[in-house]
C-alpha atoms as a PDB file:
ATOM      1  CA  MET A   1     -13.467 -11.711  19.640  1.00  0.00           C
ATOM      2  CA  ARG A   2     -16.245 -12.215  17.137  1.00  0.00           C
ATOM      3  CA  ILE A   3     -15.608 -11.238  13.513  1.00  0.00           C
ATOM      4  CA  ASP A   4     -18.630 -11.049  11.207  1.00  0.00           C
ATOM      5  CA  ARG A   5     -17.202  -9.345   8.132  1.00  0.00           C
ATOM      6  CA  ILE A   6     -13.845  -9.109   6.355  1.00  0.00           C
ATOM      7  CA  HIS A   7     -12.904  -5.973   4.423  1.00  0.00           C
ATOM      8  CA  THR A   8      -9.891  -4.742   2.471  1.00  0.00           C
ATOM      9  CA  VAL A   9      -9.023  -1.057   2.146  1.00  0.00           C
ATOM     10  CA  ALA A  10      -6.478  -0.422  -0.604  1.00  0.00           C
ATOM     11  CA  PHE A  11      -4.462   2.515  -1.807  1.00  0.00           C
ATOM     12  CA  SER A  12      -2.875   0.904  -4.843  1.00  0.00           C
ATOM     13  CA  PRO A  13      -1.727   3.153  -7.719  1.00  0.00           C
ATOM     14  CA  CYS A  14      -0.047   0.339  -9.688  1.00  0.00           C
ATOM     15  CA  GLY A  15      -2.280  -2.535  -8.552  1.00  0.00           C
ATOM     16  CA  THR A  16       0.286  -4.518  -6.567  1.00  0.00           C
ATOM     17  CA  THR A  17      -0.995  -3.473  -3.138  1.00  0.00           C
ATOM     18  CA  ALA A  18      -4.528  -4.475  -4.126  1.00  0.00           C
ATOM     19  CA  ALA A  19      -3.207  -7.827  -5.377  1.00  0.00           C
ATOM     20  CA  THR A  20      -1.379  -8.363  -2.095  1.00  0.00           C
ATOM     21  CA  LEU A  21      -4.523  -7.597  -0.102  1.00  0.00           C
ATOM     22  CA  ARG A  22      -6.505 -10.083  -2.170  1.00  0.00           C
ATOM     23  CA  ALA A  23      -3.902 -12.738  -1.440  1.00  0.00           C
ATOM     24  CA  VAL A  24      -4.248 -12.045   2.283  1.00  0.00           C
ATOM     25  CA  ALA A  25      -8.046 -11.941   2.148  1.00  0.00           C
ATOM     26  CA  ALA A  26      -8.186 -15.311   0.376  1.00  0.00           C
ATOM     27  CA  GLY A  27      -6.851 -16.938   3.527  1.00  0.00           C
ATOM     28  CA  PHE A  28      -9.892 -15.925   5.574  1.00  0.00           C
ATOM     29  CA  GLY A  29     -12.012 -18.311   3.540  1.00  0.00           C
ATOM     30  CA  GLY A  30     -15.193 -16.260   3.310  1.00  0.00           C
ATOM     31  CA  PRO A  31     -16.782 -13.261   1.613  1.00  0.00           C
ATOM     32  CA  VAL A  32     -14.609 -10.149   1.444  1.00  0.00           C
ATOM     33  CA  THR A  33     -15.733  -6.588   0.719  1.00  0.00           C
ATOM     34  CA  GLU A  34     -13.120  -4.568  -1.164  1.00  0.00           C
ATOM     35  CA  HIS A  35     -12.776  -0.804  -0.778  1.00  0.00           C
ATOM     36  CA  ASP A  36     -10.439   0.733  -3.359  1.00  0.00           C
ATOM     37  CA  LEU A  37      -9.460   4.233  -2.228  1.00  0.00           C
ATOM     38  CA  THR A  38      -6.805   4.809  -4.863  1.00  0.00           C
ATOM     39  CA  LEU A  39      -8.501   7.526  -6.890  1.00  0.00           C
ATOM     40  CA  PRO A  40      -9.607  10.863  -5.394  1.00  0.00           C
ATOM     41  CA  GLY A  41     -13.249  10.301  -6.347  1.00  0.00           C
ATOM     42  CA  ALA A  42     -13.359   7.131  -4.253  1.00  0.00           C
ATOM     43  CA  ARG A  43     -12.551   9.175  -1.145  1.00  0.00           C
ATOM     44  CA  SER A  44     -15.515  11.565  -1.325  1.00  0.00           C
ATOM     45  CA  SER A  45     -17.404   9.729   1.433  1.00  0.00           C
ATOM     46  CA  VAL A  46     -16.359   8.035   4.680  1.00  0.00           C
ATOM     47  CA  ARG A  47     -16.630   4.271   5.068  1.00  0.00           C
ATOM     48  CA  GLU A  48     -17.464   3.279   8.642  1.00  0.00           C
ATOM     49  CA  PHE A  49     -16.479   0.026  10.335  1.00  0.00           C
ATOM     50  CA  GLY A  50     -17.405  -1.491  13.685  1.00  0.00           C
ATOM     51  CA  PRO A  51     -15.852  -3.837  16.263  1.00  0.00           C
ATOM     52  CA  ARG A  52     -17.072  -6.964  14.436  1.00  0.00           C
ATOM     53  CA  ASP A  53     -15.427  -5.951  11.178  1.00  0.00           C
ATOM     54  CA  LEU A  54     -11.874  -7.019  10.410  1.00  0.00           C
ATOM     55  CA  VAL A  55     -10.233  -4.554   8.030  1.00  0.00           C
ATOM     56  CA  CYS A  56      -7.033  -5.281   6.092  1.00  0.00           C
ATOM     57  CA  ILE A  57      -5.485  -1.908   5.236  1.00  0.00           C
ATOM     58  CA  GLY A  58      -2.858  -1.764   2.498  1.00  0.00           C
ATOM     59  CA  PHE A  59      -0.459   0.945   1.297  1.00  0.00           C
ATOM     60  CA  PRO A  60       2.651   0.977  -0.881  1.00  0.00           C
ATOM     61  CA  VAL A  61       5.907   2.108   0.713  1.00  0.00           C
ATOM     62  CA  TYR A  62       7.872   4.980  -0.815  1.00  0.00           C
ATOM     63  CA  GLY A  63      11.316   5.596   0.651  1.00  0.00           C
ATOM     64  CA  GLY A  64      10.486   3.754   3.867  1.00  0.00           C
ATOM     65  CA  ARG A  65       7.346   5.817   4.550  1.00  0.00           C
ATOM     66  CA  LEU A  66       3.712   5.983   3.475  1.00  0.00           C
ATOM     67  CA  PRO A  67       2.927   8.184   0.461  1.00  0.00           C
ATOM     68  CA  HIS A  68       2.529  11.832   1.432  1.00  0.00           C
ATOM     69  CA  ASN A  69      -1.224  11.780   0.708  1.00  0.00           C
ATOM     70  CA  ALA A  70      -1.835   8.954   3.203  1.00  0.00           C
ATOM     71  CA  GLY A  71      -3.677  11.240   5.613  1.00  0.00           C
ATOM     72  CA  ARG A  72      -6.232  12.054   2.923  1.00  0.00           C
ATOM     73  CA  VAL A  73      -6.750   8.369   2.234  1.00  0.00           C
ATOM     74  CA  PHE A  74      -7.210   7.565   5.914  1.00  0.00           C
ATOM     75  CA  ALA A  75      -9.727  10.416   6.194  1.00  0.00           C
ATOM     76  CA  ALA A  76     -12.077   8.302   4.056  1.00  0.00           C
ATOM     77  CA  VAL A  77     -12.356   5.517   6.657  1.00  0.00           C
ATOM     78  CA  SER A  78     -13.548   5.447  10.256  1.00  0.00           C
ATOM     79  CA  GLY A  79     -13.375   2.633  12.797  1.00  0.00           C
ATOM     80  CA  SER A  80     -14.892   1.991  16.196  1.00  0.00           C
ATOM     81  CA  ASP A  81     -12.507  -0.307  18.086  1.00  0.00           C
ATOM     82  CA  THR A  82     -12.198  -2.045  14.729  1.00  0.00           C
ATOM     83  CA  PRO A  83      -9.498  -4.732  14.470  1.00  0.00           C
ATOM     84  CA  ALA A  84      -7.096  -4.053  11.603  1.00  0.00           C
ATOM     85  CA  VAL A  85      -4.432  -6.002   9.762  1.00  0.00           C
ATOM     86  CA  LEU A  86      -1.763  -3.673   8.353  1.00  0.00           C
ATOM     87  CA  VAL A  87      -0.246  -4.501   4.965  1.00  0.00           C
ATOM     88  CA  ALA A  88       2.798  -2.491   3.854  1.00  0.00           C
ATOM     89  CA  VAL A  89       3.918  -3.347   0.320  1.00  0.00           C
ATOM     90  CA  TYR A  90       7.484  -2.469  -0.611  1.00  0.00           C
ATOM     91  CA  GLY A  91       9.729  -3.016  -3.628  1.00  0.00           C
ATOM     92  CA  ASN A  92      12.261  -5.444  -2.149  1.00  0.00           C
ATOM     93  CA  ARG A  93      14.454  -2.691  -0.630  1.00  0.00           C
ATOM     94  CA  ASP A  94      13.059  -1.915   2.867  1.00  0.00           C
ATOM     95  CA  TYR A  95       9.820  -0.882   4.563  1.00  0.00           C
ATOM     96  CA  GLU A  96      11.545   0.934   7.477  1.00  0.00           C
ATOM     97  CA  ASP A  97       8.920   2.908   9.445  1.00  0.00           C
ATOM     98  CA  ALA A  98       5.918   2.462   7.133  1.00  0.00           C
ATOM     99  CA  LEU A  99       4.098  -0.120   9.281  1.00  0.00           C
ATOM    100  CA  LEU A 100       4.426   1.948  12.441  1.00  0.00           C
ATOM    101  CA  GLU A 101       3.280   5.034  10.549  1.00  0.00           C
ATOM    102  CA  MET A 102       0.286   3.095   9.247  1.00  0.00           C
ATOM    103  CA  GLN A 103      -0.590   1.941  12.753  1.00  0.00           C
ATOM    104  CA  ARG A 104      -0.430   5.475  14.148  1.00  0.00           C
ATOM    105  CA  GLU A 105      -2.614   6.827  11.343  1.00  0.00           C
ATOM    106  CA  ALA A 106      -5.114   3.969  11.689  1.00  0.00           C
ATOM    107  CA  GLU A 107      -5.422   4.397  15.432  1.00  0.00           C
ATOM    108  CA  LYS A 108      -6.267   8.083  14.979  1.00  0.00           C
ATOM    109  CA  ARG A 109      -9.348   6.896  13.128  1.00  0.00           C
ATOM    110  CA  GLY A 110     -10.596   4.256  15.546  1.00  0.00           C
ATOM    111  CA  PHE A 111      -8.802   1.140  14.317  1.00  0.00           C
ATOM    112  CA  VAL A 112      -6.810  -1.245  16.512  1.00  0.00           C
ATOM    113  CA  ALA A 113      -3.932  -3.034  14.819  1.00  0.00           C
ATOM    114  CA  ILE A 114      -3.793  -6.717  15.754  1.00  0.00           C
ATOM    115  CA  ALA A 115      -1.316  -7.939  13.115  1.00  0.00           C
ATOM    116  CA  ALA A 116       0.798  -6.762  10.209  1.00  0.00           C
ATOM    117  CA  THR A 117       2.830  -7.875   7.241  1.00  0.00           C
ATOM    118  CA  ALA A 118       5.578  -6.226   5.230  1.00  0.00           C
ATOM    119  CA  ALA A 119       5.103  -7.841   1.829  1.00  0.00           C
ATOM    120  CA  VAL A 120       7.120  -7.495  -1.362  1.00  0.00           C
ATOM    121  CA  ALA A 121       5.866  -6.437  -4.786  1.00  0.00           C
ATOM    122  CA  GLU A 122       7.363  -5.302  -8.060  1.00  0.00           C
ATOM    123  CA  HIS A 123       9.227  -2.034  -7.618  1.00  0.00           C
ATOM    124  CA  CYS A 124       7.397   0.839  -9.326  1.00  0.00           C
ATOM    125  CA  MET A 125      10.623   2.588 -10.400  1.00  0.00           C
ATOM    126  CA  ALA A 126      12.580  -0.518 -11.396  1.00  0.00           C
ATOM    127  CA  PRO A 127      10.167  -3.286 -12.493  1.00  0.00           C
ATOM    128  CA  GLU A 128      13.073  -5.718 -12.813  1.00  0.00           C
ATOM    129  CA  VAL A 129      13.288  -5.684  -9.011  1.00  0.00           C
ATOM    130  CA  ALA A 130      10.787  -8.180  -7.533  1.00  0.00           C
ATOM    131  CA  ALA A 131       9.370  -8.595 -11.030  1.00  0.00           C
ATOM    132  CA  ARG A 132       5.799  -9.919 -11.236  1.00  0.00           C
ATOM    133  CA  ARG A 133       5.392 -10.096  -7.492  1.00  0.00           C
ATOM    134  CA  PRO A 134       3.260 -10.835  -5.591  1.00  0.00           C
ATOM    135  CA  ASP A 135       3.554 -14.279  -7.153  1.00  0.00           C
ATOM    136  CA  ALA A 136       2.124 -17.705  -6.329  1.00  0.00           C
ATOM    137  CA  GLN A 137       4.676 -18.248  -3.572  1.00  0.00           C
ATOM    138  CA  ASP A 138       3.698 -14.945  -1.970  1.00  0.00           C
ATOM    139  CA  ALA A 139       0.002 -15.734  -2.298  1.00  0.00           C
ATOM    140  CA  ALA A 140       0.386 -19.056  -0.505  1.00  0.00           C
ATOM    141  CA  ILE A 141       2.229 -17.657   2.510  1.00  0.00           C
ATOM    142  CA  LEU A 142      -0.009 -14.571   2.734  1.00  0.00           C
ATOM    143  CA  ALA A 143      -3.075 -16.830   2.816  1.00  0.00           C
ATOM    144  CA  ARG A 144      -1.496 -18.866   5.633  1.00  0.00           C
ATOM    145  CA  PHE A 145      -0.848 -15.597   7.459  1.00  0.00           C
ATOM    146  CA  ALA A 146      -4.572 -14.776   7.221  1.00  0.00           C
ATOM    147  CA  GLU A 147      -5.456 -18.205   8.594  1.00  0.00           C
ATOM    148  CA  ALA A 148      -3.177 -17.537  11.559  1.00  0.00           C
ATOM    149  CA  VAL A 149      -4.704 -14.080  12.059  1.00  0.00           C
ATOM    150  CA  ALA A 150      -8.219 -15.537  12.045  1.00  0.00           C
ATOM    151  CA  ALA A 151      -7.293 -18.067  14.743  1.00  0.00           C
ATOM    152  CA  TYR A 152      -5.487 -15.390  16.751  1.00  0.00           C
ATOM    153  CA  ALA A 153      -8.407 -12.948  16.521  1.00  0.00           C
ATOM    154  CA  GLY A 154     -10.846 -15.637  17.591  1.00  0.00           C
ATOM    155  CA  ALA A 155      -8.870 -16.190  20.791  1.00  0.00           C
ATOM    156  CA  LEU A 156      -8.840 -12.483  21.749  1.00  0.00           C
ATOM    157  CA  SER A 157     -11.460 -11.047  24.069  1.00  0.00           C
ATOM    158  CA  ALA A 158     -11.297  -7.754  22.133  1.00  0.00           C
ATOM    159  CA  ALA A 159      -8.993  -6.090  19.602  1.00  0.00           C
ATOM    160  CA  SER A 160      -7.330  -4.082  22.369  1.00  0.00           C
ATOM    161  CA  ALA A 161      -6.175  -7.336  23.974  1.00  0.00           C
ATOM    162  CA  ALA A 162      -3.680  -7.796  21.137  1.00  0.00           C
ATOM    163  CA  ARG A 163      -1.405  -5.069  22.591  1.00  0.00           C
ATOM    164  CA  PHE A 164       0.433  -5.011  19.288  1.00  0.00           C
ATOM    165  CA  THR A 165       2.985  -2.406  18.194  1.00  0.00           C
ATOM    166  CA  ALA A 166       4.203  -2.477  14.617  1.00  0.00           C
ATOM    167  CA  PRO A 167       7.955  -2.415  13.980  1.00  0.00           C
ATOM    168  CA  GLY A 168       9.551   0.940  13.258  1.00  0.00           C
ATOM    169  CA  GLU A 169      10.867   4.055  14.936  1.00  0.00           C
ATOM    170  CA  TYR A 170       9.199   7.277  15.975  1.00  0.00           C
ATOM    171  CA  PRO A 171      10.162  10.006  15.268  1.00  0.00           C
ATOM    172  CA  TYR A 172      10.439   8.491  11.818  1.00  0.00           C
ATOM    173  CA  ARG A 173      13.916   8.071  10.439  1.00  0.00           C
ATOM    174  CA  LYS A 174      13.164   9.727   7.104  1.00  0.00           C
ATOM    175  CA  GLU A 175      11.069  12.586   5.823  1.00  0.00           C
ATOM    176  CA  MET A 176       8.118  11.683   3.602  1.00  0.00           C
ATOM    177  CA  LEU A 177       9.251  11.315   0.015  1.00  0.00           C
ATOM    178  CA  ARG A 178       8.499  14.510  -1.895  1.00  0.00           C
ATOM    179  CA  ALA A 179      10.421  14.262  -5.144  1.00  0.00           C
ATOM    180  CA  ASN A 180       9.020  17.497  -6.644  1.00  0.00           C
ATOM    181  CA  ALA A 181       9.694  16.045 -10.076  1.00  0.00           C
ATOM    182  CA  ALA A 182       6.461  14.627 -11.462  1.00  0.00           C
ATOM    183  CA  PRO A 183       6.618  12.566 -14.685  1.00  0.00           C
ATOM    184  CA  ARG A 184       5.793  14.477 -17.840  1.00  0.00           C
ATOM    185  CA  ALA A 185       4.968  13.598 -21.429  1.00  0.00           C
ATOM    186  CA  ALA A 186       7.601  13.763 -24.125  1.00  0.00           C
ATOM    187  CA  GLU A 187       6.886  15.049 -27.614  1.00  0.00           C
ATOM    188  CA  GLY A 188       4.038  13.174 -29.257  1.00  0.00           C
ATOM    189  CA  CYS A 189       1.494  13.239 -26.426  1.00  0.00           C
ATOM    190  CA  THR A 190      -1.984  12.714 -27.918  1.00  0.00           C
ATOM    191  CA  ARG A 191      -3.669  14.228 -24.847  1.00  0.00           C
ATOM    192  CA  CYS A 192      -5.854  11.144 -24.470  1.00  0.00           C
ATOM    193  CA  GLY A 193      -6.151  11.774 -20.728  1.00  0.00           C
ATOM    194  CA  THR A 194      -5.396   8.218 -19.638  1.00  0.00           C
ATOM    195  CA  CYS A 195      -2.714   9.448 -17.249  1.00  0.00           C
ATOM    196  CA  ALA A 196      -5.129  11.870 -15.576  1.00  0.00           C
ATOM    197  CA  LYS A 197      -7.683   9.095 -15.072  1.00  0.00           C
ATOM    198  CA  VAL A 198      -5.239   6.868 -13.182  1.00  0.00           C
ATOM    199  CA  CYS A 199      -3.455   9.536 -11.111  1.00  0.00           C
ATOM    200  CA  PRO A 200      -4.166   8.824  -7.416  1.00  0.00           C
ATOM    201  CA  THR A 201      -3.602  12.398  -6.260  1.00  0.00           C
ATOM    202  CA  GLY A 202      -5.239  14.421  -9.045  1.00  0.00           C
ATOM    203  CA  ALA A 203      -1.829  15.816  -9.969  1.00  0.00           C
ATOM    204  CA  ILE A 204      -2.561  15.670 -13.710  1.00  0.00           C
ATOM    205  CA  ASP A 205      -5.010  18.098 -15.317  1.00  0.00           C
ATOM    206  CA  ALA A 206      -7.042  16.281 -17.973  1.00  0.00           C
ATOM    207  CA  ALA A 207      -7.121  19.505 -19.996  1.00  0.00           C
ATOM    208  CA  ALA A 208      -3.315  19.703 -20.024  1.00  0.00           C
ATOM    209  CA  PRO A 209      -2.035  16.165 -19.371  1.00  0.00           C
ATOM    210  CA  GLU A 210       1.465  16.802 -20.692  1.00  0.00           C
ATOM    211  CA  GLY A 211       2.484  18.217 -17.308  1.00  0.00           C
ATOM    212  CA  ALA A 212       1.708  17.543 -13.652  1.00  0.00           C
ATOM    213  CA  ASP A 213       1.626  19.202 -10.246  1.00  0.00           C
ATOM    214  CA  ASP A 214       4.995  18.451  -8.620  1.00  0.00           C
ATOM    215  CA  ALA A 215       3.693  19.077  -5.095  1.00  0.00           C
ATOM    216  CA  ALA A 216       0.751  16.685  -5.457  1.00  0.00           C
ATOM    217  CA  CYS A 217       2.649  13.906  -7.260  1.00  0.00           C
ATOM    218  CA  ILE A 218       3.755  10.920  -5.154  1.00  0.00           C
ATOM    219  CA  VAL A 219       5.947   9.500  -7.974  1.00  0.00           C
ATOM    220  CA  CYS A 220       4.005   6.232  -8.002  1.00  0.00           C
ATOM    221  CA  MET A 221       4.615   5.762 -11.760  1.00  0.00           C
ATOM    222  CA  ALA A 222       0.963   4.861 -12.423  1.00  0.00           C
ATOM    223  CA  CYS A 223       0.777   7.433 -15.219  1.00  0.00           C
ATOM    224  CA  ILE A 224       3.901   6.037 -16.891  1.00  0.00           C
ATOM    225  CA  LYS A 225       2.562   2.472 -16.749  1.00  0.00           C
ATOM    226  CA  ALA A 226      -0.816   3.550 -18.142  1.00  0.00           C
ATOM    227  CA  CYS A 227       0.383   5.757 -21.007  1.00  0.00           C
ATOM    228  CA  PRO A 228      -0.763   4.044 -24.245  1.00  0.00           C
ATOM    229  CA  GLU A 229       1.939   5.826 -26.243  1.00  0.00           C
ATOM    230  CA  SER A 230       4.737   5.014 -23.755  1.00  0.00           C
ATOM    231  CA  ILE A 231       5.984   8.589 -23.909  1.00  0.00           C
ATOM    232  CA  ARG A 232       5.482   9.697 -20.327  1.00  0.00           C
ATOM    233  CA  ARG A 233       8.830   9.968 -18.540  1.00  0.00           C
ATOM    234  CA  PRO A 234      10.186  10.510 -15.011  1.00  0.00           C
ATOM    235  CA  THR A 235      11.903  13.871 -14.578  1.00  0.00           C
ATOM    236  CA  HIS A 236      13.793  13.468 -11.316  1.00  0.00           C
ATOM    237  CA  PRO A 237      17.519  14.005 -11.995  1.00  0.00           C
ATOM    238  CA  THR A 238      18.510  10.979  -9.904  1.00  0.00           C
ATOM    239  CA  TYR A 239      15.969   8.593 -11.438  1.00  0.00           C
ATOM    240  CA  GLU A 240      18.381   6.596 -13.614  1.00  0.00           C
ATOM    241  CA  LYS A 241      20.985   6.399 -10.847  1.00  0.00           C
ATOM    242  CA  SER A 242      18.306   5.181  -8.454  1.00  0.00           C
ATOM    243  CA  ARG A 243      17.246   2.475 -10.899  1.00  0.00           C
ATOM    244  CA  GLU A 244      20.844   1.371 -11.351  1.00  0.00           C
ATOM    245  CA  TRP A 245      21.326   1.198  -7.580  1.00  0.00           C
ATOM    246  CA  LEU A 246      18.141  -0.811  -7.113  1.00  0.00           C
ATOM    247  CA  ARG A 247      19.151  -3.291  -9.812  1.00  0.00           C
ATOM    248  CA  ALA A 248      22.626  -3.621  -8.296  1.00  0.00           C
ATOM    249  CA  THR A 249      21.612  -4.072  -4.656  1.00  0.00           C
ATOM    250  CA  CYS A 250      17.990  -5.234  -4.385  1.00  0.00           C
ATOM    251  CA  MET A 251      17.634  -8.207  -6.711  1.00  0.00           C
ATOM    252  CA  ARG A 252      17.947 -10.911  -4.040  1.00  0.00           C
ATOM    253  CA  ARG A 253      14.478 -12.152  -3.202  1.00  0.00           C
ATOM    254  CA  LYS A 254      13.059 -11.081   0.150  1.00  0.00           C
ATOM    255  CA  GLU A 255      10.069 -12.845   1.678  1.00  0.00           C
ATOM    256  CA  PRO A 256       7.085 -11.319   3.489  1.00  0.00           C
ATOM    257  CA  LEU A 257       7.549 -10.597   7.189  1.00  0.00           C
ATOM    258  CA  PHE A 258       4.783 -11.061   9.762  1.00  0.00           C
ATOM    259  CA  PHE A 259       4.025  -9.477  13.132  1.00  0.00           C
ATOM    260  CA  PRO A 260       3.501 -10.329  15.970  1.00  0.00           C
ATOM    261  CA  GLU A 261       5.077 -13.750  16.465  1.00  0.00           C
ATOM    262  CA  ALA A 262       1.670 -15.272  17.208  1.00  0.00           C
ATOM    263  CA  VAL A 263       0.599 -14.870  13.559  1.00  0.00           C
ATOM    264  CA  ILE A 264       3.763 -16.050  11.796  1.00  0.00           C
ATOM    265  CA  PRO A 265       2.566 -18.755   9.363  1.00  0.00           C
ATOM    266  CA  LYS A 266       3.652 -22.293  10.045  1.00  0.00           C
ATOM    267  CA  GLU A 267       5.463 -24.161   7.291  1.00  0.00           C
END
């Protein structure tokens, strides 16, 4: 299979999925075109890819699933028997059915998954978990994964010859995470609008940034990280208990996983 161009397609509210994709792309050893579909304005047109493009598609994992706006993100890309590498980025707990969900969504839009990785990054709710990841160790193994994918793709007659199915279960084991408790500003909000600018779902009205649309929010914490006054707060009643649980049970380092066996990096 001939590959002429490498692309990354990222939905990355806190930047860690984009960083993971760059680490993967570095292993291909050539020019890479990045497509950042995080913000709503970036999804106003459809990016089209052909059979000689290789597209690395990356999403964060929330509660073992893709974020509930994933369909809208996928609507901004279109493939034509286009080989895809799936990159699910999770916070050191579990990725569960996210890779399979990503594959099913990608295939609806003309992509053919040939490989995948479940990679670890800093947890958006509990930054102490997988802190500062992806790190140099991650970057090295993700680049070796890309080298293996490039060799594997070159040996295929076509993307469909990969016959690859991502790990996971369908029907999915969990409902999509809908917390219905968007972060809000505490007293002292200056209404600077920074939170509205970084919100990936348009859940924050720039004219009234103190609040947010619970239904639209994916609880990615991008607004909290971006707030220059550090006064935006999560409102979900179980937030602190969830953080405590994550710190108690998810601190042991997990390494990226790779699929299928043919693309597992060699030591």
